[in-house]
Amino acid sequence: MRAVGIKSLKNSLSEYIRLVQSGETVLVTDRDRVVAELIPPRQGRAASVSDATLAELVRTGSLTPPSLPAAGPPPSLPVKKLKQILIDLDRDRADR
């Protein structure tokens, strides 16, 4: 475990991030008082920020995961044939 002042942390942030990444805990101090703690991510933490954000929303109950896994995106079916759409457009224009 290491302790570092805010100014030193700011000047050597990459170095301290590498230490935390390797498993070490870094205490951040302000005038010899601990104000923050940098620790490695806990086991099971999502690797990407978006995954971690979704996991946090599920944990707090703000988001409910699907009850069944999706088999892929839903099929994309046209509502009308292009020819019918063009006929409808012509008819709408003629009404004006």
PDB file of N, CA and C in Angstrom:
ATOM      1  N   MET A   1       0.855  -1.163   0.000  1.00  0.00           N
ATOM      2  CA  MET A   1       0.000   0.000   0.000  1.00  0.00           C
ATOM      3  C   MET A   1       0.907   1.234   0.000  1.00  0.00           C
ATOM      4  N   ARG A   2       0.539   2.202  -0.835  1.00  0.00           N
ATOM      5  CA  ARG A   2       1.296   3.445  -0.908  1.00  0.00           C
ATOM      6  C   ARG A   2       0.384   4.624  -0.624  1.00  0.00           C
ATOM      7  N   ALA A   3       0.990   5.691  -0.146  1.00  0.00           N
ATOM      8  CA  ALA A   3       0.265   6.938   0.056  1.00  0.00           C
ATOM      9  C   ALA A   3       0.923   7.998  -0.809  1.00  0.00           C
ATOM     10  N   VAL A   4       0.103   8.855  -1.414  1.00  0.00           N
ATOM     11  CA  VAL A   4       0.618   9.891  -2.302  1.00  0.00           C
ATOM     12  C   VAL A   4      -0.231  11.146  -2.139  1.00  0.00           C
ATOM     13  N   GLY A   5       0.422  12.292  -2.174  1.00  0.00           N
ATOM     14  CA  GLY A   5      -0.296  13.554  -2.117  1.00  0.00           C
ATOM     15  C   GLY A   5      -0.973  13.848  -3.444  1.00  0.00           C
ATOM     16  N   ILE A   6      -1.960  14.701  -3.407  1.00  0.00           N
ATOM     17  CA  ILE A   6      -2.736  15.019  -4.617  1.00  0.00           C
ATOM     18  C   ILE A   6      -1.838  15.570  -5.716  1.00  0.00           C
ATOM     19  N   LYS A   7      -0.934  16.491  -5.364  1.00  0.00           N
ATOM     20  CA  LYS A   7      -0.074  17.115  -6.373  1.00  0.00           C
ATOM     21  C   LYS A   7       0.835  16.078  -7.028  1.00  0.00           C
ATOM     22  N   SER A   8       1.432  15.206  -6.210  1.00  0.00           N
ATOM     23  CA  SER A   8       2.299  14.154  -6.757  1.00  0.00           C
ATOM     24  C   SER A   8       1.503  13.184  -7.624  1.00  0.00           C
ATOM     25  N   LEU A   9       0.290  12.874  -7.184  1.00  0.00           N
ATOM     26  CA  LEU A   9      -0.566  11.978  -7.962  1.00  0.00           C
ATOM     27  C   LEU A   9      -0.868  12.587  -9.330  1.00  0.00           C
ATOM     28  N   LYS A  10      -1.192  13.873  -9.325  1.00  0.00           N
ATOM     29  CA  LYS A  10      -1.504  14.552 -10.577  1.00  0.00           C
ATOM     30  C   LYS A  10      -0.306  14.538 -11.526  1.00  0.00           C
ATOM     31  N   ASN A  11       0.882  14.752 -10.983  1.00  0.00           N
ATOM     32  CA  ASN A  11       2.086  14.813 -11.810  1.00  0.00           C
ATOM     33  C   ASN A  11       2.533  13.446 -12.326  1.00  0.00           C
ATOM     34  N   SER A  12       2.168  12.371 -11.627  1.00  0.00           N
ATOM     35  CA  SER A  12       2.619  11.021 -12.013  1.00  0.00           C
ATOM     36  C   SER A  12       1.440  10.062 -12.071  1.00  0.00           C
ATOM     37  N   LEU A  13       0.314  10.513 -12.583  1.00  0.00           N
ATOM     38  CA  LEU A  13      -0.905   9.701 -12.569  1.00  0.00           C
ATOM     39  C   LEU A  13      -0.721   8.356 -13.266  1.00  0.00           C
ATOM     40  N   SER A  14      -0.089   8.338 -14.411  1.00  0.00           N
ATOM     41  CA  SER A  14       0.094   7.078 -15.153  1.00  0.00           C
ATOM     42  C   SER A  14       0.855   6.046 -14.331  1.00  0.00           C
ATOM     43  N   GLU A  15       1.874   6.496 -13.622  1.00  0.00           N
ATOM     44  CA  GLU A  15       2.662   5.583 -12.791  1.00  0.00           C
ATOM     45  C   GLU A  15       1.798   4.951 -11.699  1.00  0.00           C
ATOM     46  N   TYR A  16       0.983   5.766 -11.040  1.00  0.00           N
ATOM     47  CA  TYR A  16       0.140   5.251  -9.959  1.00  0.00           C
ATOM     48  C   TYR A  16      -0.979   4.353 -10.498  1.00  0.00           C
ATOM     49  N   ILE A  17      -1.494   4.679 -11.672  1.00  0.00           N
ATOM     50  CA  ILE A  17      -2.511   3.807 -12.291  1.00  0.00           C
ATOM     51  C   ILE A  17      -1.905   2.439 -12.601  1.00  0.00           C
ATOM     52  N   ARG A  18      -0.667   2.423 -13.068  1.00  0.00           N
ATOM     53  CA  ARG A  18      -0.004   1.135 -13.333  1.00  0.00           C
ATOM     54  C   ARG A  18       0.151   0.332 -12.034  1.00  0.00           C
ATOM     55  N   LEU A  19       0.483   1.016 -10.942  1.00  0.00           N
ATOM     56  CA  LEU A  19       0.600   0.322  -9.650  1.00  0.00           C
ATOM     57  C   LEU A  19      -0.734  -0.292  -9.244  1.00  0.00           C
ATOM     58  N   VAL A  20      -1.803   0.477  -9.381  1.00  0.00           N
ATOM     59  CA  VAL A  20      -3.134  -0.029  -9.023  1.00  0.00           C
ATOM     60  C   VAL A  20      -3.511  -1.184  -9.934  1.00  0.00           C
ATOM     61  N   GLN A  21      -3.183  -1.054 -11.215  1.00  0.00           N
ATOM     62  CA  GLN A  21      -3.496  -2.111 -12.185  1.00  0.00           C
ATOM     63  C   GLN A  21      -2.795  -3.415 -11.818  1.00  0.00           C
ATOM     64  N   SER A  22      -1.604  -3.301 -11.214  1.00  0.00           N
ATOM     65  CA  SER A  22      -0.863  -4.510 -10.833  1.00  0.00           C
ATOM     66  C   SER A  22      -1.324  -5.072  -9.485  1.00  0.00           C
ATOM     67  N   GLY A  23      -2.324  -4.433  -8.857  1.00  0.00           N
ATOM     68  CA  GLY A  23      -2.902  -4.987  -7.646  1.00  0.00           C
ATOM     69  C   GLY A  23      -2.620  -4.211  -6.372  1.00  0.00           C
ATOM     70  N   GLU A  24      -1.849  -3.147  -6.455  1.00  0.00           N
ATOM     71  CA  GLU A  24      -1.508  -2.373  -5.263  1.00  0.00           C
ATOM     72  C   GLU A  24      -2.583  -1.319  -4.976  1.00  0.00           C
ATOM     73  N   THR A  25      -2.760  -1.012  -3.701  1.00  0.00           N
ATOM     74  CA  THR A  25      -3.695   0.031  -3.276  1.00  0.00           C
ATOM     75  C   THR A  25      -2.916   1.322  -3.052  1.00  0.00           C
ATOM     76  N   VAL A  26      -3.473   2.438  -3.540  1.00  0.00           N
ATOM     77  CA  VAL A  26      -2.823   3.738  -3.375  1.00  0.00           C
ATOM     78  C   VAL A  26      -3.778   4.648  -2.605  1.00  0.00           C
ATOM     79  N   LEU A  27      -3.281   5.176  -1.475  1.00  0.00           N
ATOM     80  CA  LEU A  27      -4.064   6.129  -0.688  1.00  0.00           C
ATOM     81  C   LEU A  27      -3.701   7.535  -1.156  1.00  0.00           C
ATOM     82  N   VAL A  28      -4.718   8.341  -1.437  1.00  0.00           N
ATOM     83  CA  VAL A  28      -4.505   9.722  -1.866  1.00  0.00           C
ATOM     84  C   VAL A  28      -4.691  10.603  -0.640  1.00  0.00           C
ATOM     85  N   THR A  29      -3.684  11.464  -0.393  1.00  0.00           N
ATOM     86  CA  THR A  29      -3.738  12.306   0.797  1.00  0.00           C
ATOM     87  C   THR A  29      -3.769  13.785   0.433  1.00  0.00           C
ATOM     88  N   ASP A  30      -4.352  14.553   1.334  1.00  0.00           N
ATOM     89  CA  ASP A  30      -4.360  16.011   1.239  1.00  0.00           C
ATOM     90  C   ASP A  30      -3.958  16.522   2.619  1.00  0.00           C
ATOM     91  N   ARG A  31      -2.756  17.088   2.689  1.00  0.00           N
ATOM     92  CA  ARG A  31      -2.196  17.562   3.961  1.00  0.00           C
ATOM     93  C   ARG A  31      -2.162  16.432   5.001  1.00  0.00           C
ATOM     94  N   ASP A  32      -1.636  15.280   4.579  1.00  0.00           N
ATOM     95  CA  ASP A  32      -1.472  14.080   5.422  1.00  0.00           C
ATOM     96  C   ASP A  32      -2.786  13.491   5.932  1.00  0.00           C
ATOM     97  N   ARG A  33      -3.877  13.796   5.262  1.00  0.00           N
ATOM     98  CA  ARG A  33      -5.171  13.204   5.612  1.00  0.00           C
ATOM     99  C   ARG A  33      -5.653  12.421   4.389  1.00  0.00           C
ATOM    100  N   VAL A  34      -6.014  11.166   4.578  1.00  0.00           N
ATOM    101  CA  VAL A  34      -6.471  10.320   3.458  1.00  0.00           C
ATOM    102  C   VAL A  34      -7.827  10.825   2.980  1.00  0.00           C
ATOM    103  N   VAL A  35      -7.895  11.146   1.665  1.00  0.00           N
ATOM    104  CA  VAL A  35      -9.139  11.658   1.090  1.00  0.00           C
ATOM    105  C   VAL A  35      -9.718  10.721   0.034  1.00  0.00           C
ATOM    106  N   ALA A  36      -8.918   9.784  -0.442  1.00  0.00           N
ATOM    107  CA  ALA A  36      -9.405   8.838  -1.461  1.00  0.00           C
ATOM    108  C   ALA A  36      -8.523   7.596  -1.444  1.00  0.00           C
ATOM    109  N   GLU A  37      -9.052   6.563  -2.062  1.00  0.00           N
ATOM    110  CA  GLU A  37      -8.334   5.296  -2.128  1.00  0.00           C
ATOM    111  C   GLU A  37      -8.483   4.754  -3.538  1.00  0.00           C
ATOM    112  N   LEU A  38      -7.369   4.480  -4.193  1.00  0.00           N
ATOM    113  CA  LEU A  38      -7.393   3.863  -5.528  1.00  0.00           C
ATOM    114  C   LEU A  38      -7.118   2.380  -5.352  1.00  0.00           C
ATOM    115  N   ILE A  39      -8.066   1.569  -5.770  1.00  0.00           N
ATOM    116  CA  ILE A  39      -7.929   0.123  -5.627  1.00  0.00           C
ATOM    117  C   ILE A  39      -8.192  -0.540  -6.971  1.00  0.00           C
ATOM    118  N   PRO A  40      -7.643  -1.743  -7.174  1.00  0.00           N
ATOM    119  CA  PRO A  40      -7.932  -2.460  -8.426  1.00  0.00           C
ATOM    120  C   PRO A  40      -9.411  -2.837  -8.473  1.00  0.00           C
ATOM    121  N   PRO A  41      -9.969  -2.997  -9.666  1.00  0.00           N
ATOM    122  CA  PRO A  41     -11.380  -3.395  -9.767  1.00  0.00           C
ATOM    123  C   PRO A  41     -11.590  -4.753  -9.104  1.00  0.00           C
ATOM    124  N   ARG A  42     -12.739  -4.909  -8.454  1.00  0.00           N
ATOM    125  CA  ARG A  42     -13.027  -6.171  -7.783  1.00  0.00           C
ATOM    126  C   ARG A  42     -13.343  -7.259  -8.819  1.00  0.00           C
ATOM    127  N   GLN A  43     -13.248  -8.499  -8.372  1.00  0.00           N
ATOM    128  CA  GLN A  43     -13.529  -9.646  -9.247  1.00  0.00           C
ATOM    129  C   GLN A  43     -14.945  -9.525  -9.801  1.00  0.00           C
ATOM    130  N   GLY A  44     -15.117  -9.829 -11.056  1.00  0.00           N
ATOM    131  CA  GLY A  44     -16.433  -9.803 -11.666  1.00  0.00           C
ATOM    132  C   GLY A  44     -16.821  -8.443 -12.216  1.00  0.00           C
ATOM    133  N   ARG A  45     -15.985  -7.426 -12.012  1.00  0.00           N
ATOM    134  CA  ARG A  45     -16.278  -6.091 -12.539  1.00  0.00           C
ATOM    135  C   ARG A  45     -16.147  -6.130 -14.057  1.00  0.00           C
ATOM    136  N   ALA A  46     -17.085  -5.522 -14.735  1.00  0.00           N
ATOM    137  CA  ALA A  46     -17.077  -5.497 -16.193  1.00  0.00           C
ATOM    138  C   ALA A  46     -15.834  -4.764 -16.699  1.00  0.00           C
ATOM    139  N   ALA A  47     -15.318  -5.223 -17.826  1.00  0.00           N
ATOM    140  CA  ALA A  47     -14.099  -4.640 -18.379  1.00  0.00           C
ATOM    141  C   ALA A  47     -14.348  -3.284 -19.024  1.00  0.00           C
ATOM    142  N   SER A  48     -15.510  -3.099 -19.626  1.00  0.00           N
ATOM    143  CA  SER A  48     -15.771  -1.821 -20.294  1.00  0.00           C
ATOM    144  C   SER A  48     -16.694  -0.954 -19.439  1.00  0.00           C
ATOM    145  N   VAL A  49     -16.609   0.337 -19.650  1.00  0.00           N
ATOM    146  CA  VAL A  49     -17.411   1.276 -18.866  1.00  0.00           C
ATOM    147  C   VAL A  49     -18.898   1.087 -19.130  1.00  0.00           C
ATOM    148  N   SER A  50     -19.272   0.864 -20.384  1.00  0.00           N
ATOM    149  CA  SER A  50     -20.700   0.708 -20.683  1.00  0.00           C
ATOM    150  C   SER A  50     -21.270  -0.546 -20.022  1.00  0.00           C
ATOM    151  N   ASP A  51     -20.503  -1.630 -19.996  1.00  0.00           N
ATOM    152  CA  ASP A  51     -20.970  -2.844 -19.316  1.00  0.00           C
ATOM    153  C   ASP A  51     -21.096  -2.611 -17.814  1.00  0.00           C
ATOM    154  N   ALA A  52     -20.139  -1.885 -17.244  1.00  0.00           N
ATOM    155  CA  ALA A  52     -20.185  -1.591 -15.810  1.00  0.00           C
ATOM    156  C   ALA A  52     -21.372  -0.699 -15.481  1.00  0.00           C
ATOM    157  N   THR A  53     -21.671   0.246 -16.355  1.00  0.00           N
ATOM    158  CA  THR A  53     -22.819   1.132 -16.139  1.00  0.00           C
ATOM    159  C   THR A  53     -24.118   0.349 -16.176  1.00  0.00           C
ATOM    160  N   LEU A  54     -24.253  -0.550 -17.151  1.00  0.00           N
ATOM    161  CA  LEU A  54     -25.458  -1.385 -17.226  1.00  0.00           C
ATOM    162  C   LEU A  54     -25.579  -2.279 -15.998  1.00  0.00           C
ATOM    163  N   ALA A  55     -24.470  -2.860 -15.573  1.00  0.00           N
ATOM    164  CA  ALA A  55     -24.493  -3.727 -14.397  1.00  0.00           C
ATOM    165  C   ALA A  55     -24.911  -2.946 -13.152  1.00  0.00           C
ATOM    166  N   GLU A  56     -24.453  -1.709 -13.034  1.00  0.00           N
ATOM    167  CA  GLU A  56     -24.829  -0.879 -11.886  1.00  0.00           C
ATOM    168  C   GLU A  56     -26.316  -0.546 -11.917  1.00  0.00           C
ATOM    169  N   LEU A  57     -26.861  -0.263 -13.109  1.00  0.00           N
ATOM    170  CA  LEU A  57     -28.294   0.019 -13.236  1.00  0.00           C
ATOM    171  C   LEU A  57     -29.137  -1.201 -12.858  1.00  0.00           C
ATOM    172  N   VAL A  58     -28.691  -2.384 -13.239  1.00  0.00           N
ATOM    173  CA  VAL A  58     -29.407  -3.609 -12.867  1.00  0.00           C
ATOM    174  C   VAL A  58     -29.310  -3.823 -11.358  1.00  0.00           C
ATOM    175  N   ARG A  59     -28.124  -3.592 -10.788  1.00  0.00           N
ATOM    176  CA  ARG A  59     -27.925  -3.792  -9.354  1.00  0.00           C
ATOM    177  C   ARG A  59     -28.814  -2.876  -8.521  1.00  0.00           C
ATOM    178  N   THR A  60     -28.983  -1.624  -8.969  1.00  0.00           N
ATOM    179  CA  THR A  60     -29.805  -0.681  -8.209  1.00  0.00           C
ATOM    180  C   THR A  60     -31.293  -0.822  -8.506  1.00  0.00           C
ATOM    181  N   GLY A  61     -31.659  -1.645  -9.489  1.00  0.00           N
ATOM    182  CA  GLY A  61     -33.060  -1.858  -9.804  1.00  0.00           C
ATOM    183  C   GLY A  61     -33.630  -0.855 -10.795  1.00  0.00           C
ATOM    184  N   SER A  62     -32.788   0.009 -11.350  1.00  0.00           N
ATOM    185  CA  SER A  62     -33.251   0.994 -12.331  1.00  0.00           C
ATOM    186  C   SER A  62     -33.499   0.363 -13.696  1.00  0.00           C
ATOM    187  N   LEU A  63     -32.903  -0.792 -13.925  1.00  0.00           N
ATOM    188  CA  LEU A  63     -33.031  -1.486 -15.203  1.00  0.00           C
ATOM    189  C   LEU A  63     -33.287  -2.958 -14.920  1.00  0.00           C
ATOM    190  N   THR A  64     -34.196  -3.545 -15.658  1.00  0.00           N
ATOM    191  CA  THR A  64     -34.492  -4.961 -15.504  1.00  0.00           C
ATOM    192  C   THR A  64     -33.978  -5.701 -16.736  1.00  0.00           C
ATOM    193  N   PRO A  65     -33.146  -6.718 -16.552  1.00  0.00           N
ATOM    194  CA  PRO A  65     -32.649  -7.453 -17.705  1.00  0.00           C
ATOM    195  C   PRO A  65     -33.779  -8.260 -18.353  1.00  0.00           C
ATOM    196  N   PRO A  66     -33.628  -8.616 -19.625  1.00  0.00           N
ATOM    197  CA  PRO A  66     -34.670  -9.403 -20.285  1.00  0.00           C
ATOM    198  C   PRO A  66     -34.808 -10.774 -19.627  1.00  0.00           C
ATOM    199  N   SER A  67     -36.026 -11.288 -19.610  1.00  0.00           N
ATOM    200  CA  SER A  67     -36.243 -12.585 -18.973  1.00  0.00           C
ATOM    201  C   SER A  67     -35.764 -13.740 -19.854  1.00  0.00           C
ATOM    202  N   LEU A  68     -35.790 -13.550 -21.158  1.00  0.00           N
ATOM    203  CA  LEU A  68     -35.290 -14.566 -22.089  1.00  0.00           C
ATOM    204  C   LEU A  68     -34.169 -13.969 -22.925  1.00  0.00           C
ATOM    205  N   PRO A  69     -33.117 -14.745 -23.173  1.00  0.00           N
ATOM    206  CA  PRO A  69     -32.039 -14.212 -24.013  1.00  0.00           C
ATOM    207  C   PRO A  69     -32.534 -13.986 -25.443  1.00  0.00           C
ATOM    208  N   ALA A  70     -32.086 -12.920 -26.046  1.00  0.00           N
ATOM    209  CA  ALA A  70     -32.493 -12.598 -27.412  1.00  0.00           C
ATOM    210  C   ALA A  70     -31.787 -13.530 -28.393  1.00  0.00           C
ATOM    211  N   ALA A  71     -32.504 -13.895 -29.431  1.00  0.00           N
ATOM    212  CA  ALA A  71     -31.935 -14.765 -30.461  1.00  0.00           C
ATOM    213  C   ALA A  71     -31.377 -13.936 -31.606  1.00  0.00           C
ATOM    214  N   GLY A  72     -31.166 -12.675 -31.387  1.00  0.00           N
ATOM    215  CA  GLY A  72     -30.678 -11.776 -32.427  1.00  0.00           C
ATOM    216  C   GLY A  72     -31.660 -10.640 -32.600  1.00  0.00           C
ATOM    217  N   PRO A  73     -31.352  -9.742 -33.515  1.00  0.00           N
ATOM    218  CA  PRO A  73     -32.270  -8.614 -33.721  1.00  0.00           C
ATOM    219  C   PRO A  73     -33.580  -9.094 -34.325  1.00  0.00           C
ATOM    220  N   PRO A  74     -34.657  -8.375 -34.071  1.00  0.00           N
ATOM    221  CA  PRO A  74     -35.932  -8.780 -34.654  1.00  0.00           C
ATOM    222  C   PRO A  74     -35.885  -8.658 -36.171  1.00  0.00           C
ATOM    223  N   PRO A  75     -36.658  -9.470 -36.875  1.00  0.00           N
ATOM    224  CA  PRO A  75     -36.627  -9.404 -38.338  1.00  0.00           C
ATOM    225  C   PRO A  75     -37.158  -8.058 -38.813  1.00  0.00           C
ATOM    226  N   SER A  76     -36.565  -7.588 -39.888  1.00  0.00           N
ATOM    227  CA  SER A  76     -36.975  -6.317 -40.475  1.00  0.00           C
ATOM    228  C   SER A  76     -37.915  -6.612 -41.641  1.00  0.00           C
ATOM    229  N   LEU A  77     -39.188  -6.364 -41.429  1.00  0.00           N
ATOM    230  CA  LEU A  77     -40.177  -6.623 -42.466  1.00  0.00           C
ATOM    231  C   LEU A  77     -40.744  -5.305 -42.968  1.00  0.00           C
ATOM    232  N   PRO A  78     -40.883  -5.156 -44.285  1.00  0.00           N
ATOM    233  CA  PRO A  78     -41.442  -3.910 -44.803  1.00  0.00           C
ATOM    234  C   PRO A  78     -42.918  -3.794 -44.447  1.00  0.00           C
ATOM    235  N   VAL A  79     -43.349  -2.582 -44.190  1.00  0.00           N
ATOM    236  CA  VAL A  79     -44.749  -2.350 -43.858  1.00  0.00           C
ATOM    237  C   VAL A  79     -45.596  -2.427 -45.121  1.00  0.00           C
ATOM    238  N   LYS A  80     -45.106  -1.796 -46.185  1.00  0.00           N
ATOM    239  CA  LYS A  80     -45.779  -1.823 -47.484  1.00  0.00           C
ATOM    240  C   LYS A  80     -44.748  -2.034 -48.569  1.00  0.00           C
ATOM    241  N   LYS A  81     -45.199  -2.458 -49.697  1.00  0.00           N
ATOM    242  CA  LYS A  81     -44.317  -2.572 -50.855  1.00  0.00           C
ATOM    243  C   LYS A  81     -44.004  -1.164 -51.349  1.00  0.00           C
ATOM    244  N   LEU A  82     -42.827  -0.975 -51.931  1.00  0.00           N
ATOM    245  CA  LEU A  82     -42.413   0.324 -52.423  1.00  0.00           C
ATOM    246  C   LEU A  82     -43.401   0.877 -53.434  1.00  0.00           C
ATOM    247  N   LYS A  83     -43.895   0.032 -54.307  1.00  0.00           N
ATOM    248  CA  LYS A  83     -44.838   0.485 -55.329  1.00  0.00           C
ATOM    249  C   LYS A  83     -46.087   1.093 -54.674  1.00  0.00           C
ATOM    250  N   GLN A  84     -46.607   0.463 -53.621  1.00  0.00           N
ATOM    251  CA  GLN A  84     -47.787   0.973 -52.928  1.00  0.00           C
ATOM    252  C   GLN A  84     -47.487   2.293 -52.221  1.00  0.00           C
ATOM    253  N   ILE A  85     -46.285   2.414 -51.652  1.00  0.00           N
ATOM    254  CA  ILE A  85     -45.893   3.667 -51.002  1.00  0.00           C
ATOM    255  C   ILE A  85     -45.861   4.806 -52.012  1.00  0.00           C
ATOM    256  N   LEU A  86     -45.288   4.551 -53.183  1.00  0.00           N
ATOM    257  CA  LEU A  86     -45.222   5.582 -54.222  1.00  0.00           C
ATOM    258  C   LEU A  86     -46.616   5.971 -54.718  1.00  0.00           C
ATOM    259  N   ILE A  87     -47.504   4.987 -54.849  1.00  0.00           N
ATOM    260  CA  ILE A  87     -48.888   5.285 -55.266  1.00  0.00           C
ATOM    261  C   ILE A  87     -49.560   6.159 -54.212  1.00  0.00           C
ATOM    262  N   ASP A  88     -49.373   5.834 -52.924  1.00  0.00           N
ATOM    263  CA  ASP A  88     -49.956   6.638 -51.844  1.00  0.00           C
ATOM    264  C   ASP A  88     -49.398   8.061 -51.841  1.00  0.00           C
ATOM    265  N   LEU A  89     -48.119   8.200 -52.093  1.00  0.00           N
ATOM    266  CA  LEU A  89     -47.522   9.531 -52.152  1.00  0.00           C
ATOM    267  C   LEU A  89     -48.109  10.350 -53.292  1.00  0.00           C
ATOM    268  N   ASP A  90     -48.241   9.734 -54.454  1.00  0.00           N
ATOM    269  CA  ASP A  90     -48.833  10.441 -55.607  1.00  0.00           C
ATOM    270  C   ASP A  90     -50.266  10.871 -55.296  1.00  0.00           C
ATOM    271  N   ARG A  91     -51.021  10.008 -54.657  1.00  0.00           N
ATOM    272  CA  ARG A  91     -52.405  10.329 -54.316  1.00  0.00           C
ATOM    273  C   ARG A  91     -52.468  11.485 -53.320  1.00  0.00           C
ATOM    274  N   ASP A  92     -51.580  11.475 -52.316  1.00  0.00           N
ATOM    275  CA  ASP A  92     -51.533  12.562 -51.332  1.00  0.00           C
ATOM    276  C   ASP A  92     -51.154  13.882 -51.988  1.00  0.00           C
ATOM    277  N   ARG A  93     -50.239  13.845 -52.933  1.00  0.00           N
ATOM    278  CA  ARG A  93     -49.829  15.064 -53.619  1.00  0.00           C
ATOM    279  C   ARG A  93     -50.957  15.597 -54.490  1.00  0.00           C
ATOM    280  N   ALA A  94     -51.719  14.704 -55.079  1.00  0.00           N
ATOM    281  CA  ALA A  94     -52.818  15.117 -55.955  1.00  0.00           C
ATOM    282  C   ALA A  94     -53.927  15.780 -55.162  1.00  0.00           C
ATOM    283  N   ASP A  95     -54.078  15.416 -53.878  1.00  0.00           N
ATOM    284  CA  ASP A  95     -55.107  15.994 -53.030  1.00  0.00           C
ATOM    285  C   ASP A  95     -54.824  17.427 -52.662  1.00  0.00           C
ATOM    286  N   ARG A  96     -53.633  17.891 -52.818  1.00  0.00           N
ATOM    287  CA  ARG A  96     -53.271  19.253 -52.391  1.00  0.00           C
ATOM    288  C   ARG A  96     -53.597  20.286 -53.407  1.00  0.00           C
TER     289      ARG A  96
END
